[in-house]
PDB file of all heavy atoms in Angstrom:
ATOM      1  N   ASN A   1      24.830 -24.097   7.029  1.00  0.00           N
ATOM      2  CA  ASN A   1      25.881 -23.785   8.014  1.00  0.00           C
ATOM      3  C   ASN A   1      25.741 -22.356   8.544  1.00  0.00           C
ATOM      4  O   ASN A   1      26.728 -21.652   8.735  1.00  0.00           O
ATOM      5  CB  ASN A   1      27.264 -23.969   7.383  1.00  0.00           C
ATOM      6  CG  ASN A   1      27.485 -25.393   6.887  1.00  0.00           C
ATOM      7  OD1 ASN A   1      27.127 -26.346   7.563  1.00  0.00           O
ATOM      8  ND2 ASN A   1      28.070 -25.524   5.702  1.00  0.00           N
ATOM      9  N   ALA A   2      24.503 -21.915   8.777  1.00  0.00           N
ATOM     10  CA  ALA A   2      24.240 -20.554   9.236  1.00  0.00           C
ATOM     11  C   ALA A   2      24.006 -20.544  10.739  1.00  0.00           C
ATOM     12  O   ALA A   2      23.631 -21.552  11.339  1.00  0.00           O
ATOM     13  CB  ALA A   2      23.019 -19.973   8.520  1.00  0.00           C
ATOM     14  N   ASP A   3      24.251 -19.389  11.338  1.00  0.00           N
ATOM     15  CA  ASP A   3      24.031 -19.268  12.778  1.00  0.00           C
ATOM     16  C   ASP A   3      22.874 -18.329  13.090  1.00  0.00           C
ATOM     17  O   ASP A   3      22.744 -17.855  14.222  1.00  0.00           O
ATOM     18  CB  ASP A   3      25.308 -18.768  13.472  1.00  0.00           C
ATOM     19  CG  ASP A   3      25.763 -17.417  12.931  1.00  0.00           C
ATOM     20  OD1 ASP A   3      25.106 -16.906  12.001  1.00  0.00           O
ATOM     21  OD2 ASP A   3      26.757 -16.886  13.445  1.00  0.00           O
ATOM     22  N   GLY A   4      22.012 -18.047  12.124  1.00  0.00           N
ATOM     23  CA  GLY A   4      20.865 -17.180  12.356  1.00  0.00           C
ATOM     24  C   GLY A   4      19.731 -17.499  11.404  1.00  0.00           C
ATOM     25  O   GLY A   4      19.935 -18.113  10.342  1.00  0.00           O
ATOM     26  N   ILE A   5      18.529 -17.110  11.766  1.00  0.00           N
ATOM     27  CA  ILE A   5      17.338 -17.374  10.937  1.00  0.00           C
ATOM     28  C   ILE A   5      16.561 -16.091  10.683  1.00  0.00           C
ATOM     29  O   ILE A   5      15.360 -16.119  10.446  1.00  0.00           O
ATOM     30  CB  ILE A   5      16.428 -18.437  11.585  1.00  0.00           C
ATOM     31  CG1 ILE A   5      16.146 -18.103  13.054  1.00  0.00           C
ATOM     32  CG2 ILE A   5      17.018 -19.822  11.439  1.00  0.00           C
ATOM     33  CD1 ILE A   5      15.165 -19.039  13.718  1.00  0.00           C
ATOM     34  N   GLY A   6      17.246 -14.923  10.737  1.00  0.00           N
ATOM     35  CA  GLY A   6      16.590 -13.677  10.391  1.00  0.00           C
ATOM     36  C   GLY A   6      16.285 -12.811  11.591  1.00  0.00           C
ATOM     37  O   GLY A   6      16.658 -13.118  12.724  1.00  0.00           O
ATOM     38  N   ASN A   7      15.599 -11.715  11.321  1.00  0.00           N
ATOM     39  CA  ASN A   7      15.260 -10.725  12.339  1.00  0.00           C
ATOM     40  C   ASN A   7      13.742 -10.619  12.441  1.00  0.00           C
ATOM     41  O   ASN A   7      13.062 -10.279  11.466  1.00  0.00           O
ATOM     42  CB  ASN A   7      15.856  -9.363  11.953  1.00  0.00           C
ATOM     43  CG  ASN A   7      15.666  -8.325  13.042  1.00  0.00           C
ATOM     44  OD1 ASN A   7      14.558  -8.076  13.487  1.00  0.00           O
ATOM     45  ND2 ASN A   7      16.759  -7.707  13.464  1.00  0.00           N
ATOM     46  N   VAL A   8      13.204 -10.901  13.616  1.00  0.00           N
ATOM     47  CA  VAL A   8      11.755 -10.950  13.782  1.00  0.00           C
ATOM     48  C   VAL A   8      11.110  -9.592  13.527  1.00  0.00           C
ATOM     49  O   VAL A   8      10.011  -9.510  12.984  1.00  0.00           O
ATOM     50  CB  VAL A   8      11.388 -11.471  15.190  1.00  0.00           C
ATOM     51  CG1 VAL A   8      11.854 -10.508  16.268  1.00  0.00           C
ATOM     52  CG2 VAL A   8       9.893 -11.708  15.300  1.00  0.00           C
ATOM     53  N   TRP A   9      11.789  -8.513  13.879  1.00  0.00           N
ATOM     54  CA  TRP A   9      11.189  -7.187  13.698  1.00  0.00           C
ATOM     55  C   TRP A   9      11.087  -6.829  12.219  1.00  0.00           C
ATOM     56  O   TRP A   9      10.121  -6.205  11.791  1.00  0.00           O
ATOM     57  CB  TRP A   9      11.999  -6.138  14.458  1.00  0.00           C
ATOM     58  CG  TRP A   9      12.116  -6.455  15.912  1.00  0.00           C
ATOM     59  CD1 TRP A   9      13.246  -6.815  16.594  1.00  0.00           C
ATOM     60  CD2 TRP A   9      11.051  -6.494  16.873  1.00  0.00           C
ATOM     61  NE1 TRP A   9      12.955  -7.068  17.912  1.00  0.00           N
ATOM     62  CE2 TRP A   9      11.617  -6.877  18.115  1.00  0.00           C
ATOM     63  CE3 TRP A   9       9.681  -6.249  16.812  1.00  0.00           C
ATOM     64  CZ2 TRP A   9      10.865  -7.008  19.272  1.00  0.00           C
ATOM     65  CZ3 TRP A   9       8.922  -6.391  17.960  1.00  0.00           C
ATOM     66  CH2 TRP A   9       9.510  -6.763  19.170  1.00  0.00           C
ATOM     67  N   VAL A  10      12.079  -7.228  11.441  1.00  0.00           N
ATOM     68  CA  VAL A  10      12.024  -6.991   9.998  1.00  0.00           C
ATOM     69  C   VAL A  10      10.866  -7.779   9.376  1.00  0.00           C
ATOM     70  O   VAL A  10      10.073  -7.246   8.597  1.00  0.00           O
ATOM     71  CB  VAL A  10      13.359  -7.379   9.333  1.00  0.00           C
ATOM     72  CG1 VAL A  10      13.254  -7.311   7.812  1.00  0.00           C
ATOM     73  CG2 VAL A  10      14.483  -6.483   9.827  1.00  0.00           C
ATOM     74  N   ASP A  11      10.771  -9.054   9.737  1.00  0.00           N
ATOM     75  CA  ASP A  11       9.698  -9.892   9.184  1.00  0.00           C
ATOM     76  C   ASP A  11       8.327  -9.405   9.634  1.00  0.00           C
ATOM     77  O   ASP A  11       7.359  -9.426   8.864  1.00  0.00           O
ATOM     78  CB  ASP A  11       9.904 -11.344   9.605  1.00  0.00           C
ATOM     79  CG  ASP A  11      11.173 -11.934   9.020  1.00  0.00           C
ATOM     80  OD1 ASP A  11      11.598 -11.471   7.952  1.00  0.00           O
ATOM     81  OD2 ASP A  11      11.742 -12.855   9.649  1.00  0.00           O
ATOM     82  N   LEU A  12       8.226  -8.982  10.886  1.00  0.00           N
ATOM     83  CA  LEU A  12       6.964  -8.481  11.420  1.00  0.00           C
ATOM     84  C   LEU A  12       6.512  -7.238  10.652  1.00  0.00           C
ATOM     85  O   LEU A  12       5.336  -7.101  10.284  1.00  0.00           O
ATOM     86  CB  LEU A  12       7.145  -8.140  12.907  1.00  0.00           C
ATOM     87  CG  LEU A  12       5.907  -7.975  13.772  1.00  0.00           C
ATOM     88  CD1 LEU A  12       5.202  -9.295  13.956  1.00  0.00           C
ATOM     89  CD2 LEU A  12       6.294  -7.408  15.140  1.00  0.00           C
ATOM     90  N   THR A  13       7.450  -6.336  10.393  1.00  0.00           N
ATOM     91  CA  THR A  13       7.131  -5.102   9.677  1.00  0.00           C
ATOM     92  C   THR A  13       6.732  -5.396   8.240  1.00  0.00           C
ATOM     93  O   THR A  13       5.747  -4.839   7.724  1.00  0.00           O
ATOM     94  CB  THR A  13       8.342  -4.153   9.702  1.00  0.00           C
ATOM     95  OG1 THR A  13       8.703  -3.903  11.061  1.00  0.00           O
ATOM     96  CG2 THR A  13       8.018  -2.841   9.017  1.00  0.00           C
ATOM     97  N   ARG A  14       7.480  -6.256   7.582  1.00  0.00           N
ATOM     98  CA  ARG A  14       7.177  -6.567   6.184  1.00  0.00           C
ATOM     99  C   ARG A  14       5.792  -7.192   6.028  1.00  0.00           C
ATOM    100  O   ARG A  14       5.020  -6.792   5.159  1.00  0.00           O
ATOM    101  CB  ARG A  14       8.237  -7.524   5.631  1.00  0.00           C
ATOM    102  CG  ARG A  14       9.586  -6.876   5.351  1.00  0.00           C
ATOM    103  CD  ARG A  14      10.613  -7.932   4.984  1.00  0.00           C
ATOM    104  NE  ARG A  14      11.889  -7.339   4.608  1.00  0.00           N
ATOM    105  CZ  ARG A  14      13.009  -8.032   4.472  1.00  0.00           C
ATOM    106  NH1 ARG A  14      13.018  -9.345   4.697  1.00  0.00           N
ATOM    107  NH2 ARG A  14      14.139  -7.423   4.115  1.00  0.00           N
ATOM    108  N   SER A  15       5.493  -8.182   6.857  1.00  0.00           N
ATOM    109  CA  SER A  15       4.207  -8.867   6.723  1.00  0.00           C
ATOM    110  C   SER A  15       3.041  -7.941   7.036  1.00  0.00           C
ATOM    111  O   SER A  15       1.978  -8.040   6.414  1.00  0.00           O
ATOM    112  CB  SER A  15       4.167 -10.106   7.634  1.00  0.00           C
ATOM    113  OG  SER A  15       4.431  -9.757   8.975  1.00  0.00           O
ATOM    114  N   THR A  16       3.230  -7.020   7.971  1.00  0.00           N
ATOM    115  CA  THR A  16       2.156  -6.092   8.323  1.00  0.00           C
ATOM    116  C   THR A  16       1.946  -5.041   7.235  1.00  0.00           C
ATOM    117  O   THR A  16       0.812  -4.811   6.789  1.00  0.00           O
ATOM    118  CB  THR A  16       2.465  -5.398   9.663  1.00  0.00           C
ATOM    119  OG1 THR A  16       2.623  -6.377  10.684  1.00  0.00           O
ATOM    120  CG2 THR A  16       1.339  -4.451  10.046  1.00  0.00           C
ATOM    121  N   ILE A  17       3.025  -4.405   6.795  1.00  0.00           N
ATOM    122  CA  ILE A  17       2.916  -3.268   5.867  1.00  0.00           C
ATOM    123  C   ILE A  17       2.658  -3.719   4.432  1.00  0.00           C
ATOM    124  O   ILE A  17       1.878  -3.099   3.706  1.00  0.00           O
ATOM    125  CB  ILE A  17       4.181  -2.399   5.945  1.00  0.00           C
ATOM    126  CG1 ILE A  17       4.270  -1.732   7.325  1.00  0.00           C
ATOM    127  CG2 ILE A  17       4.185  -1.340   4.848  1.00  0.00           C
ATOM    128  CD1 ILE A  17       5.509  -0.884   7.513  1.00  0.00           C
ATOM    129  N   TYR A  18       3.300  -4.803   4.011  1.00  0.00           N
ATOM    130  CA  TYR A  18       3.208  -5.204   2.612  1.00  0.00           C
ATOM    131  C   TYR A  18       2.040  -6.139   2.314  1.00  0.00           C
ATOM    132  O   TYR A  18       1.610  -6.233   1.165  1.00  0.00           O
ATOM    133  CB  TYR A  18       4.507  -5.893   2.176  1.00  0.00           C
ATOM    134  CG  TYR A  18       5.720  -5.018   2.229  1.00  0.00           C
ATOM    135  CD1 TYR A  18       6.987  -5.558   2.428  1.00  0.00           C
ATOM    136  CD2 TYR A  18       5.628  -3.627   2.096  1.00  0.00           C
ATOM    137  CE1 TYR A  18       8.121  -4.750   2.482  1.00  0.00           C
ATOM    138  CE2 TYR A  18       6.744  -2.816   2.164  1.00  0.00           C
ATOM    139  CZ  TYR A  18       7.986  -3.375   2.356  1.00  0.00           C
ATOM    140  OH  TYR A  18       9.094  -2.577   2.423  1.00  0.00           O
ATOM    141  N   ILE A  19       1.537  -6.846   3.329  1.00  0.00           N
ATOM    142  CA  ILE A  19       0.497  -7.847   3.078  1.00  0.00           C
ATOM    143  C   ILE A  19      -0.793  -7.532   3.835  1.00  0.00           C
ATOM    144  O   ILE A  19      -1.852  -7.329   3.235  1.00  0.00           O
ATOM    145  CB  ILE A  19       0.999  -9.257   3.458  1.00  0.00           C
ATOM    146  CG1 ILE A  19       2.242  -9.613   2.637  1.00  0.00           C
ATOM    147  CG2 ILE A  19      -0.095 -10.297   3.234  1.00  0.00           C
ATOM    148  CD1 ILE A  19       2.899 -10.906   3.049  1.00  0.00           C
ATOM    149  N   LEU A  20      -0.705  -7.470   5.159  1.00  0.00           N
ATOM    150  CA  LEU A  20      -1.923  -7.406   5.968  1.00  0.00           C
ATOM    151  C   LEU A  20      -2.649  -6.067   5.844  1.00  0.00           C
ATOM    152  O   LEU A  20      -3.878  -6.033   5.669  1.00  0.00           O
ATOM    153  CB  LEU A  20      -1.572  -7.694   7.437  1.00  0.00           C
ATOM    154  CG  LEU A  20      -0.990  -9.085   7.706  1.00  0.00           C
ATOM    155  CD1 LEU A  20      -0.545  -9.196   9.152  1.00  0.00           C
ATOM    156  CD2 LEU A  20      -2.005 -10.163   7.370  1.00  0.00           C
ATOM    157  N   LEU A  21      -1.915  -4.962   5.938  1.00  0.00           N
ATOM    158  CA  LEU A  21      -2.563  -3.653   5.856  1.00  0.00           C
ATOM    159  C   LEU A  21      -3.212  -3.392   4.495  1.00  0.00           C
ATOM    160  O   LEU A  21      -4.388  -2.999   4.438  1.00  0.00           O
ATOM    161  CB  LEU A  21      -1.569  -2.547   6.201  1.00  0.00           C
ATOM    162  CG  LEU A  21      -1.447  -2.180   7.685  1.00  0.00           C
ATOM    163  CD1 LEU A  21      -0.302  -1.204   7.904  1.00  0.00           C
ATOM    164  CD2 LEU A  21      -2.748  -1.586   8.202  1.00  0.00           C
ATOM    165  N   PRO A  22      -2.498  -3.582   3.374  1.00  0.00           N
ATOM    166  CA  PRO A  22      -3.151  -3.328   2.075  1.00  0.00           C
ATOM    167  C   PRO A  22      -4.391  -4.188   1.843  1.00  0.00           C
ATOM    168  O   PRO A  22      -5.430  -3.688   1.408  1.00  0.00           O
ATOM    169  CB  PRO A  22      -2.044  -3.656   1.060  1.00  0.00           C
ATOM    170  CG  PRO A  22      -0.775  -3.491   1.812  1.00  0.00           C
ATOM    171  CD  PRO A  22      -1.071  -3.908   3.209  1.00  0.00           C
ATOM    172  N   LEU A  23      -4.291  -5.493   2.147  1.00  0.00           N
ATOM    173  CA  LEU A  23      -5.455  -6.364   1.959  1.00  0.00           C
ATOM    174  C   LEU A  23      -6.610  -5.969   2.862  1.00  0.00           C
ATOM    175  O   LEU A  23      -7.775  -5.996   2.447  1.00  0.00           O
ATOM    176  CB  LEU A  23      -5.051  -7.822   2.231  1.00  0.00           C
ATOM    177  CG  LEU A  23      -4.279  -8.542   1.126  1.00  0.00           C
ATOM    178  CD1 LEU A  23      -3.873  -9.930   1.598  1.00  0.00           C
ATOM    179  CD2 LEU A  23      -5.106  -8.643  -0.145  1.00  0.00           C
ATOM    180  N   SER A  24      -6.306  -5.598   4.102  1.00  0.00           N
ATOM    181  CA  SER A  24      -7.357  -5.228   5.046  1.00  0.00           C
ATOM    182  C   SER A  24      -8.063  -3.940   4.616  1.00  0.00           C
ATOM    183  O   SER A  24      -9.286  -3.815   4.761  1.00  0.00           O
ATOM    184  CB  SER A  24      -6.769  -5.066   6.455  1.00  0.00           C
ATOM    185  OG  SER A  24      -6.258  -6.298   6.921  1.00  0.00           O
ATOM    186  N   ILE A  25      -7.310  -2.986   4.106  1.00  0.00           N
ATOM    187  CA  ILE A  25      -7.927  -1.734   3.630  1.00  0.00           C
ATOM    188  C   ILE A  25      -8.882  -2.027   2.471  1.00  0.00           C
ATOM    189  O   ILE A  25     -10.032  -1.557   2.448  1.00  0.00           O
ATOM    190  CB  ILE A  25      -6.843  -0.723   3.208  1.00  0.00           C
ATOM    191  CG1 ILE A  25      -6.074  -0.242   4.442  1.00  0.00           C
ATOM    192  CG2 ILE A  25      -7.456   0.463   2.464  1.00  0.00           C
ATOM    193  CD1 ILE A  25      -4.850   0.592   4.117  1.00  0.00           C
ATOM    194  N   LEU A  26      -8.422  -2.825   1.509  1.00  0.00           N
ATOM    195  CA  LEU A  26      -9.275  -3.155   0.365  1.00  0.00           C
ATOM    196  C   LEU A  26     -10.514  -3.936   0.803  1.00  0.00           C
ATOM    197  O   LEU A  26     -11.634  -3.662   0.348  1.00  0.00           O
ATOM    198  CB  LEU A  26      -8.478  -3.964  -0.652  1.00  0.00           C
ATOM    199  CG  LEU A  26      -7.362  -3.229  -1.400  1.00  0.00           C
ATOM    200  CD1 LEU A  26      -6.572  -4.199  -2.270  1.00  0.00           C
ATOM    201  CD2 LEU A  26      -7.944  -2.104  -2.251  1.00  0.00           C
ATOM    202  N   PHE A  27     -10.321  -4.897   1.700  1.00  0.00           N
ATOM    203  CA  PHE A  27     -11.456  -5.721   2.132  1.00  0.00           C
ATOM    204  C   PHE A  27     -12.431  -4.904   2.982  1.00  0.00           C
ATOM    205  O   PHE A  27     -13.648  -5.101   2.887  1.00  0.00           O
ATOM    206  CB  PHE A  27     -10.942  -6.930   2.908  1.00  0.00           C
ATOM    207  CG  PHE A  27     -11.992  -7.998   3.118  1.00  0.00           C
ATOM    208  CD1 PHE A  27     -12.809  -8.391   2.085  1.00  0.00           C
ATOM    209  CD2 PHE A  27     -12.160  -8.602   4.352  1.00  0.00           C
ATOM    210  CE1 PHE A  27     -13.782  -9.370   2.260  1.00  0.00           C
ATOM    211  CE2 PHE A  27     -13.116  -9.578   4.552  1.00  0.00           C
ATOM    212  CZ  PHE A  27     -13.929  -9.964   3.493  1.00  0.00           C
ATOM    213  N   ALA A  28     -11.919  -3.991   3.803  1.00  0.00           N
ATOM    214  CA  ALA A  28     -12.800  -3.137   4.601  1.00  0.00           C
ATOM    215  C   ALA A  28     -13.668  -2.266   3.691  1.00  0.00           C
ATOM    216  O   ALA A  28     -14.873  -2.089   3.940  1.00  0.00           O
ATOM    217  CB  ALA A  28     -11.979  -2.274   5.550  1.00  0.00           C
ATOM    218  N   LEU A  29     -13.074  -1.703   2.626  1.00  0.00           N
ATOM    219  CA  LEU A  29     -13.848  -0.902   1.676  1.00  0.00           C
ATOM    220  C   LEU A  29     -14.920  -1.751   0.990  1.00  0.00           C
ATOM    221  O   LEU A  29     -16.048  -1.298   0.775  1.00  0.00           O
ATOM    222  CB  LEU A  29     -12.923  -0.278   0.638  1.00  0.00           C
ATOM    223  CG  LEU A  29     -11.967   0.800   1.154  1.00  0.00           C
ATOM    224  CD1 LEU A  29     -10.977   1.210   0.071  1.00  0.00           C
ATOM    225  CD2 LEU A  29     -12.748   2.015   1.658  1.00  0.00           C
ATOM    226  N   PHE A  30     -14.565  -2.989   0.656  1.00  0.00           N
ATOM    227  CA  PHE A  30     -15.545  -3.891   0.059  1.00  0.00           C
ATOM    228  C   PHE A  30     -16.690  -4.172   1.030  1.00  0.00           C
ATOM    229  O   PHE A  30     -17.871  -4.177   0.644  1.00  0.00           O
ATOM    230  CB  PHE A  30     -14.864  -5.198  -0.348  1.00  0.00           C
ATOM    231  CG  PHE A  30     -15.821  -6.268  -0.795  1.00  0.00           C
ATOM    232  CD1 PHE A  30     -16.339  -6.253  -2.077  1.00  0.00           C
ATOM    233  CD2 PHE A  30     -16.214  -7.276   0.068  1.00  0.00           C
ATOM    234  CE1 PHE A  30     -17.233  -7.235  -2.496  1.00  0.00           C
ATOM    235  CE2 PHE A  30     -17.099  -8.262  -0.326  1.00  0.00           C
ATOM    236  CZ  PHE A  30     -17.606  -8.244  -1.619  1.00  0.00           C
ATOM    237  N   LEU A  31     -16.363  -4.400   2.304  1.00  0.00           N
ATOM    238  CA  LEU A  31     -17.398  -4.678   3.295  1.00  0.00           C
ATOM    239  C   LEU A  31     -18.319  -3.475   3.485  1.00  0.00           C
ATOM    240  O   LEU A  31     -19.539  -3.636   3.648  1.00  0.00           O
ATOM    241  CB  LEU A  31     -16.752  -5.067   4.626  1.00  0.00           C
ATOM    242  CG  LEU A  31     -16.044  -6.426   4.654  1.00  0.00           C
ATOM    243  CD1 LEU A  31     -15.350  -6.640   5.996  1.00  0.00           C
ATOM    244  CD2 LEU A  31     -17.017  -7.561   4.375  1.00  0.00           C
ATOM    245  N   VAL A  32     -17.750  -2.277   3.460  1.00  0.00           N
ATOM    246  CA  VAL A  32     -18.587  -1.073   3.544  1.00  0.00           C
ATOM    247  C   VAL A  32     -19.560  -1.040   2.375  1.00  0.00           C
ATOM    248  O   VAL A  32     -20.732  -0.687   2.523  1.00  0.00           O
ATOM    249  CB  VAL A  32     -17.706   0.196   3.574  1.00  0.00           C
ATOM    250  CG1 VAL A  32     -18.562   1.445   3.407  1.00  0.00           C
ATOM    251  CG2 VAL A  32     -16.923   0.265   4.880  1.00  0.00           C
ATOM    252  N   TRP A  33     -19.084  -1.407   1.185  1.00  0.00           N
ATOM    253  CA  TRP A  33     -19.948  -1.437   0.002  1.00  0.00           C
ATOM    254  C   TRP A  33     -21.105  -2.416   0.182  1.00  0.00           C
ATOM    255  O   TRP A  33     -22.219  -2.177  -0.294  1.00  0.00           O
ATOM    256  CB  TRP A  33     -19.120  -1.815  -1.218  1.00  0.00           C
ATOM    257  CG  TRP A  33     -19.931  -1.980  -2.461  1.00  0.00           C
ATOM    258  CD1 TRP A  33     -20.481  -1.006  -3.246  1.00  0.00           C
ATOM    259  CD2 TRP A  33     -20.294  -3.229  -3.071  1.00  0.00           C
ATOM    260  NE1 TRP A  33     -21.156  -1.567  -4.307  1.00  0.00           N
ATOM    261  CE2 TRP A  33     -21.061  -2.929  -4.224  1.00  0.00           C
ATOM    262  CE3 TRP A  33     -20.038  -4.567  -2.763  1.00  0.00           C
ATOM    263  CZ2 TRP A  33     -21.583  -3.913  -5.054  1.00  0.00           C
ATOM    264  CZ3 TRP A  33     -20.553  -5.551  -3.585  1.00  0.00           C
ATOM    265  CH2 TRP A  33     -21.318  -5.218  -4.722  1.00  0.00           C
ATOM    266  N   THR A  34     -20.870  -3.536   0.889  1.00  0.00           N
ATOM    267  CA  THR A  34     -21.941  -4.515   1.092  1.00  0.00           C
ATOM    268  C   THR A  34     -22.904  -4.112   2.207  1.00  0.00           C
ATOM    269  O   THR A  34     -23.946  -4.748   2.375  1.00  0.00           O
ATOM    270  CB  THR A  34     -21.360  -5.897   1.427  1.00  0.00           C
ATOM    271  OG1 THR A  34     -20.671  -5.846   2.683  1.00  0.00           O
ATOM    272  CG2 THR A  34     -20.422  -6.372   0.338  1.00  0.00           C
ATOM    273  N   GLY A  35     -22.541  -3.081   2.994  1.00  0.00           N
ATOM    274  CA  GLY A  35     -23.450  -2.613   4.035  1.00  0.00           C
ATOM    275  C   GLY A  35     -22.928  -2.688   5.444  1.00  0.00           C
ATOM    276  O   GLY A  35     -23.658  -2.404   6.396  1.00  0.00           O
ATOM    277  N   VAL A  36     -21.664  -3.055   5.634  1.00  0.00           N
ATOM    278  CA  VAL A  36     -21.088  -3.110   6.977  1.00  0.00           C
ATOM    279  C   VAL A  36     -20.755  -1.688   7.431  1.00  0.00           C
ATOM    280  O   VAL A  36     -20.117  -0.934   6.692  1.00  0.00           O
ATOM    281  CB  VAL A  36     -19.815  -3.982   6.999  1.00  0.00           C
ATOM    282  CG1 VAL A  36     -19.192  -4.000   8.389  1.00  0.00           C
ATOM    283  CG2 VAL A  36     -20.142  -5.394   6.544  1.00  0.00           C
ATOM    284  N   PRO A  37     -21.163  -1.269   8.643  1.00  0.00           N
ATOM    285  CA  PRO A  37     -20.905   0.112   9.092  1.00  0.00           C
ATOM    286  C   PRO A  37     -19.416   0.376   9.315  1.00  0.00           C
ATOM    287  O   PRO A  37     -18.656  -0.525   9.690  1.00  0.00           O
ATOM    288  CB  PRO A  37     -21.663   0.207  10.427  1.00  0.00           C
ATOM    289  CG  PRO A  37     -22.588  -0.965  10.442  1.00  0.00           C
ATOM    290  CD  PRO A  37     -21.957  -2.030   9.616  1.00  0.00           C
ATOM    291  N   GLN A  38     -19.010   1.602   9.078  1.00  0.00           N
ATOM    292  CA  GLN A  38     -17.668   2.083   9.429  1.00  0.00           C
ATOM    293  C   GLN A  38     -17.849   3.549   9.819  1.00  0.00           C
ATOM    294  O   GLN A  38     -17.835   4.443   8.979  1.00  0.00           O
ATOM    295  CB  GLN A  38     -16.698   1.936   8.265  1.00  0.00           C
ATOM    296  CG  GLN A  38     -15.279   2.410   8.559  1.00  0.00           C
ATOM    297  CD  GLN A  38     -14.555   1.497   9.543  1.00  0.00           C
ATOM    298  OE1 GLN A  38     -14.938   0.352   9.748  1.00  0.00           O
ATOM    299  NE2 GLN A  38     -13.499   2.003  10.166  1.00  0.00           N
ATOM    300  N   THR A  39     -18.074   3.780  11.107  1.00  0.00           N
ATOM    301  CA  THR A  39     -18.455   5.109  11.567  1.00  0.00           C
ATOM    302  C   THR A  39     -18.009   5.293  13.005  1.00  0.00           C
ATOM    303  O   THR A  39     -17.696   4.323  13.700  1.00  0.00           O
ATOM    304  CB  THR A  39     -19.978   5.300  11.468  1.00  0.00           C
ATOM    305  OG1 THR A  39     -20.338   6.570  11.995  1.00  0.00           O
ATOM    306  CG2 THR A  39     -20.722   4.227  12.255  1.00  0.00           C
ATOM    307  N   PHE A  40     -17.992   6.550  13.436  1.00  0.00           N
ATOM    308  CA  PHE A  40     -17.732   6.840  14.837  1.00  0.00           C
ATOM    309  C   PHE A  40     -19.020   7.121  15.605  1.00  0.00           C
ATOM    310  O   PHE A  40     -18.977   7.525  16.759  1.00  0.00           O
ATOM    311  CB  PHE A  40     -16.763   8.024  14.972  1.00  0.00           C
ATOM    312  CG  PHE A  40     -15.354   7.669  14.612  1.00  0.00           C
ATOM    313  CD1 PHE A  40     -14.702   8.318  13.574  1.00  0.00           C
ATOM    314  CD2 PHE A  40     -14.678   6.674  15.282  1.00  0.00           C
ATOM    315  CE1 PHE A  40     -13.404   7.997  13.235  1.00  0.00           C
ATOM    316  CE2 PHE A  40     -13.373   6.331  14.955  1.00  0.00           C
ATOM    317  CZ  PHE A  40     -12.741   6.994  13.924  1.00  0.00           C
TER     318      PHE A  40
END
């Protein structure tokens, strides 16, 4: 009996900061270890 399903900006921030960014940083470091370039 609710009239709302949450706030998209809150969910967007949580999924980006708590899940996507940490995993991407770790995976990027792993890829560098395997030989993928990360340079300017």
